[in-house]
Amino acid sequence: QVQLVESGGGLVQAGGSLRLSCAASGSVFRFYAVGWYRQAPGHQREMVATISSGGRINYADSVKGRFTISRDNAKKMVYLQMNSLKPEDTADYYCSVHSYWGQGTQVTVSS
């Protein structure tokens, strides 16, 4: 079983940066891909970025060049560095591993 706890969300002005963190428990973390997803009010949850166990990375087109996903298997951590934030990035952000989900962290970008 995997437990995930996100942190690092908050309120930031457009153009600013935030770094989200996801702490995972469980011994199988390093074997699975990890993803960051977000859900804005009135919208479906969407993929933001994923990173495989081997380090292959995929980004949503809307965040390419602005967001960076990384993982530290030794620490069982996943990070999402978000730069040049836009109001449309406002959402609840979740990390996910092997069908497990965290509780989410809220990101609000003011214009």
C-alpha atoms as a PDB file:
ATOM      1  CA  GLN A   1       0.000   0.000   0.000  1.00  0.00           C
ATOM      2  CA  VAL A   2       1.150   3.524  -0.803  1.00  0.00           C
ATOM      3  CA  GLN A   3       0.294   6.684   1.092  1.00  0.00           C
ATOM      4  CA  LEU A   4       0.926  10.057  -0.497  1.00  0.00           C
ATOM      5  CA  VAL A   5       1.037  13.481   1.133  1.00  0.00           C
ATOM      6  CA  GLU A   6       1.319  16.626  -0.968  1.00  0.00           C
ATOM      7  CA  SER A   7       2.569  19.972   0.263  1.00  0.00           C
ATOM      8  CA  GLY A   8       3.812  23.291  -1.053  1.00  0.00           C
ATOM      9  CA  GLY A   9       0.658  24.810  -2.432  1.00  0.00           C
ATOM     10  CA  GLY A  10      -0.410  28.353  -1.733  1.00  0.00           C
ATOM     11  CA  LEU A  11      -1.281  31.733  -3.148  1.00  0.00           C
ATOM     12  CA  VAL A  12       1.113  33.317  -5.622  1.00  0.00           C
ATOM     13  CA  GLN A  13       0.977  36.166  -8.101  1.00  0.00           C
ATOM     14  CA  ALA A  14       1.075  35.498 -11.815  1.00  0.00           C
ATOM     15  CA  GLY A  15       4.651  35.024 -12.948  1.00  0.00           C
ATOM     16  CA  GLY A  16       5.671  33.593  -9.613  1.00  0.00           C
ATOM     17  CA  SER A  17       6.894  30.138  -8.658  1.00  0.00           C
ATOM     18  CA  LEU A  18       5.931  27.328  -6.332  1.00  0.00           C
ATOM     19  CA  ARG A  19       7.468  23.971  -5.604  1.00  0.00           C
ATOM     20  CA  LEU A  20       5.111  21.135  -4.765  1.00  0.00           C
ATOM     21  CA  SER A  21       6.320  18.092  -2.897  1.00  0.00           C
ATOM     22  CA  CYS A  22       4.800  14.650  -2.549  1.00  0.00           C
ATOM     23  CA  ALA A  23       5.997  12.317   0.176  1.00  0.00           C
ATOM     24  CA  ALA A  24       5.317   8.640  -0.401  1.00  0.00           C
ATOM     25  CA  SER A  25       5.326   5.680   1.920  1.00  0.00           C
ATOM     26  CA  GLY A  26       5.727   2.057   0.985  1.00  0.00           C
ATOM     27  CA  SER A  27       8.555   0.026  -0.440  1.00  0.00           C
ATOM     28  CA  VAL A  28       7.321  -0.175  -4.016  1.00  0.00           C
ATOM     29  CA  PHE A  29       7.496   3.550  -4.786  1.00  0.00           C
ATOM     30  CA  ARG A  30      10.641   3.298  -6.863  1.00  0.00           C
ATOM     31  CA  PHE A  31       9.137   0.690  -9.190  1.00  0.00           C
ATOM     32  CA  TYR A  32       6.263   2.821 -10.448  1.00  0.00           C
ATOM     33  CA  ALA A  33       5.643   5.894 -12.494  1.00  0.00           C
ATOM     34  CA  VAL A  34       4.523   8.935 -10.559  1.00  0.00           C
ATOM     35  CA  GLY A  35       2.282  11.697 -11.778  1.00  0.00           C
ATOM     36  CA  TRP A  36       1.087  15.142 -10.867  1.00  0.00           C
ATOM     37  CA  TYR A  37      -2.493  15.938 -11.769  1.00  0.00           C
ATOM     38  CA  ARG A  38      -4.700  18.930 -11.187  1.00  0.00           C
ATOM     39  CA  GLN A  39      -8.371  19.716 -11.016  1.00  0.00           C
ATOM     40  CA  ALA A  40      -9.756  23.200 -11.317  1.00  0.00           C
ATOM     41  CA  PRO A  41     -13.281  24.058 -10.158  1.00  0.00           C
ATOM     42  CA  GLY A  42     -15.798  22.864 -12.702  1.00  0.00           C
ATOM     43  CA  HIS A  43     -13.195  20.962 -14.673  1.00  0.00           C
ATOM     44  CA  GLN A  44     -12.110  17.361 -14.911  1.00  0.00           C
ATOM     45  CA  ARG A  45      -8.874  16.196 -13.393  1.00  0.00           C
ATOM     46  CA  GLU A  46      -6.042  16.433 -15.894  1.00  0.00           C
ATOM     47  CA  MET A  47      -2.507  15.169 -16.131  1.00  0.00           C
ATOM     48  CA  VAL A  48       0.179  17.771 -15.524  1.00  0.00           C
ATOM     49  CA  ALA A  49       3.362  15.721 -15.591  1.00  0.00           C
ATOM     50  CA  THR A  50       4.494  12.142 -15.158  1.00  0.00           C
ATOM     51  CA  ILE A  51       7.839  10.525 -14.547  1.00  0.00           C
ATOM     52  CA  SER A  52       8.469   6.818 -14.985  1.00  0.00           C
ATOM     53  CA  SER A  53      10.559   4.626 -12.743  1.00  0.00           C
ATOM     54  CA  GLY A  54      13.321   4.981 -15.307  1.00  0.00           C
ATOM     55  CA  GLY A  55      13.059   8.743 -15.474  1.00  0.00           C
ATOM     56  CA  ARG A  56      11.033   9.182 -18.657  1.00  0.00           C
ATOM     57  CA  ILE A  57       9.072  12.416 -18.369  1.00  0.00           C
ATOM     58  CA  ASN A  58       5.889  13.607 -19.986  1.00  0.00           C
ATOM     59  CA  TYR A  59       4.260  17.023 -19.657  1.00  0.00           C
ATOM     60  CA  ALA A  60       0.927  18.454 -20.585  1.00  0.00           C
ATOM     61  CA  ASP A  61       1.330  20.949 -23.409  1.00  0.00           C
ATOM     62  CA  SER A  62      -0.006  23.709 -21.197  1.00  0.00           C
ATOM     63  CA  VAL A  63       2.912  23.443 -18.759  1.00  0.00           C
ATOM     64  CA  LYS A  64       5.831  22.541 -21.022  1.00  0.00           C
ATOM     65  CA  GLY A  65       8.763  24.848 -20.474  1.00  0.00           C
ATOM     66  CA  ARG A  66       7.344  26.137 -17.176  1.00  0.00           C
ATOM     67  CA  PHE A  67       6.990  23.080 -14.928  1.00  0.00           C
ATOM     68  CA  THR A  68       9.596  20.482 -14.009  1.00  0.00           C
ATOM     69  CA  ILE A  69       8.858  17.119 -12.420  1.00  0.00           C
ATOM     70  CA  SER A  70      11.518  15.183 -10.549  1.00  0.00           C
ATOM     71  CA  ARG A  71      11.743  12.282  -8.152  1.00  0.00           C
ATOM     72  CA  ASP A  72      14.088  11.131  -5.437  1.00  0.00           C
ATOM     73  CA  ASN A  73      13.594   7.412  -4.929  1.00  0.00           C
ATOM     74  CA  ALA A  74      15.874   7.262  -1.906  1.00  0.00           C
ATOM     75  CA  LYS A  75      13.734   9.840  -0.122  1.00  0.00           C
ATOM     76  CA  LYS A  76      10.471   8.599  -1.689  1.00  0.00           C
ATOM     77  CA  MET A  77       9.721  12.106  -2.845  1.00  0.00           C
ATOM     78  CA  VAL A  78       8.283  13.601  -5.998  1.00  0.00           C
ATOM     79  CA  TYR A  79       8.534  17.294  -6.807  1.00  0.00           C
ATOM     80  CA  LEU A  80       6.868  19.683  -9.190  1.00  0.00           C
ATOM     81  CA  GLN A  81       8.696  22.948  -9.742  1.00  0.00           C
ATOM     82  CA  MET A  82       6.257  25.434 -11.202  1.00  0.00           C
ATOM     83  CA  ASN A  83       7.593  28.634 -12.733  1.00  0.00           C
ATOM     84  CA  SER A  84       5.945  31.462 -14.655  1.00  0.00           C
ATOM     85  CA  LEU A  85       2.637  30.596 -13.080  1.00  0.00           C
ATOM     86  CA  LYS A  86      -0.554  31.769 -14.736  1.00  0.00           C
ATOM     87  CA  PRO A  87      -4.050  32.272 -13.320  1.00  0.00           C
ATOM     88  CA  GLU A  88      -5.177  29.265 -15.357  1.00  0.00           C
ATOM     89  CA  ASP A  89      -2.811  27.096 -13.299  1.00  0.00           C
ATOM     90  CA  THR A  90      -5.125  27.603 -10.333  1.00  0.00           C
ATOM     91  CA  ALA A  91      -6.305  24.166  -9.202  1.00  0.00           C
ATOM     92  CA  ASP A  92      -5.979  21.456  -6.618  1.00  0.00           C
ATOM     93  CA  TYR A  93      -2.840  19.477  -7.377  1.00  0.00           C
ATOM     94  CA  TYR A  94      -2.561  15.773  -6.654  1.00  0.00           C
ATOM     95  CA  CYS A  95       0.213  13.238  -6.913  1.00  0.00           C
ATOM     96  CA  SER A  96      -0.508   9.670  -7.849  1.00  0.00           C
ATOM     97  CA  VAL A  97       1.406   6.414  -7.779  1.00  0.00           C
ATOM     98  CA  HIS A  98       0.044   3.090  -8.969  1.00  0.00           C
ATOM     99  CA  SER A  99      -3.604   4.169  -8.630  1.00  0.00           C
ATOM    100  CA  TYR A 100      -3.059   5.692  -5.191  1.00  0.00           C
ATOM    101  CA  TRP A 101      -3.814   9.389  -4.688  1.00  0.00           C
ATOM    102  CA  GLY A 102      -2.861  11.988  -2.172  1.00  0.00           C
ATOM    103  CA  GLN A 103      -5.290  14.443  -0.614  1.00  0.00           C
ATOM    104  CA  GLY A 104      -4.153  17.302  -2.811  1.00  0.00           C
ATOM    105  CA  THR A 105      -2.680  20.731  -2.273  1.00  0.00           C
ATOM    106  CA  GLN A 106      -4.311  23.927  -3.458  1.00  0.00           C
ATOM    107  CA  VAL A 107      -2.575  26.335  -5.800  1.00  0.00           C
ATOM    108  CA  THR A 108      -4.045  29.762  -6.450  1.00  0.00           C
ATOM    109  CA  VAL A 109      -2.471  32.141  -8.924  1.00  0.00           C
ATOM    110  CA  SER A 110      -3.722  35.710  -8.803  1.00  0.00           C
ATOM    111  CA  SER A 111      -3.624  37.997 -11.802  1.00  0.00           C
END
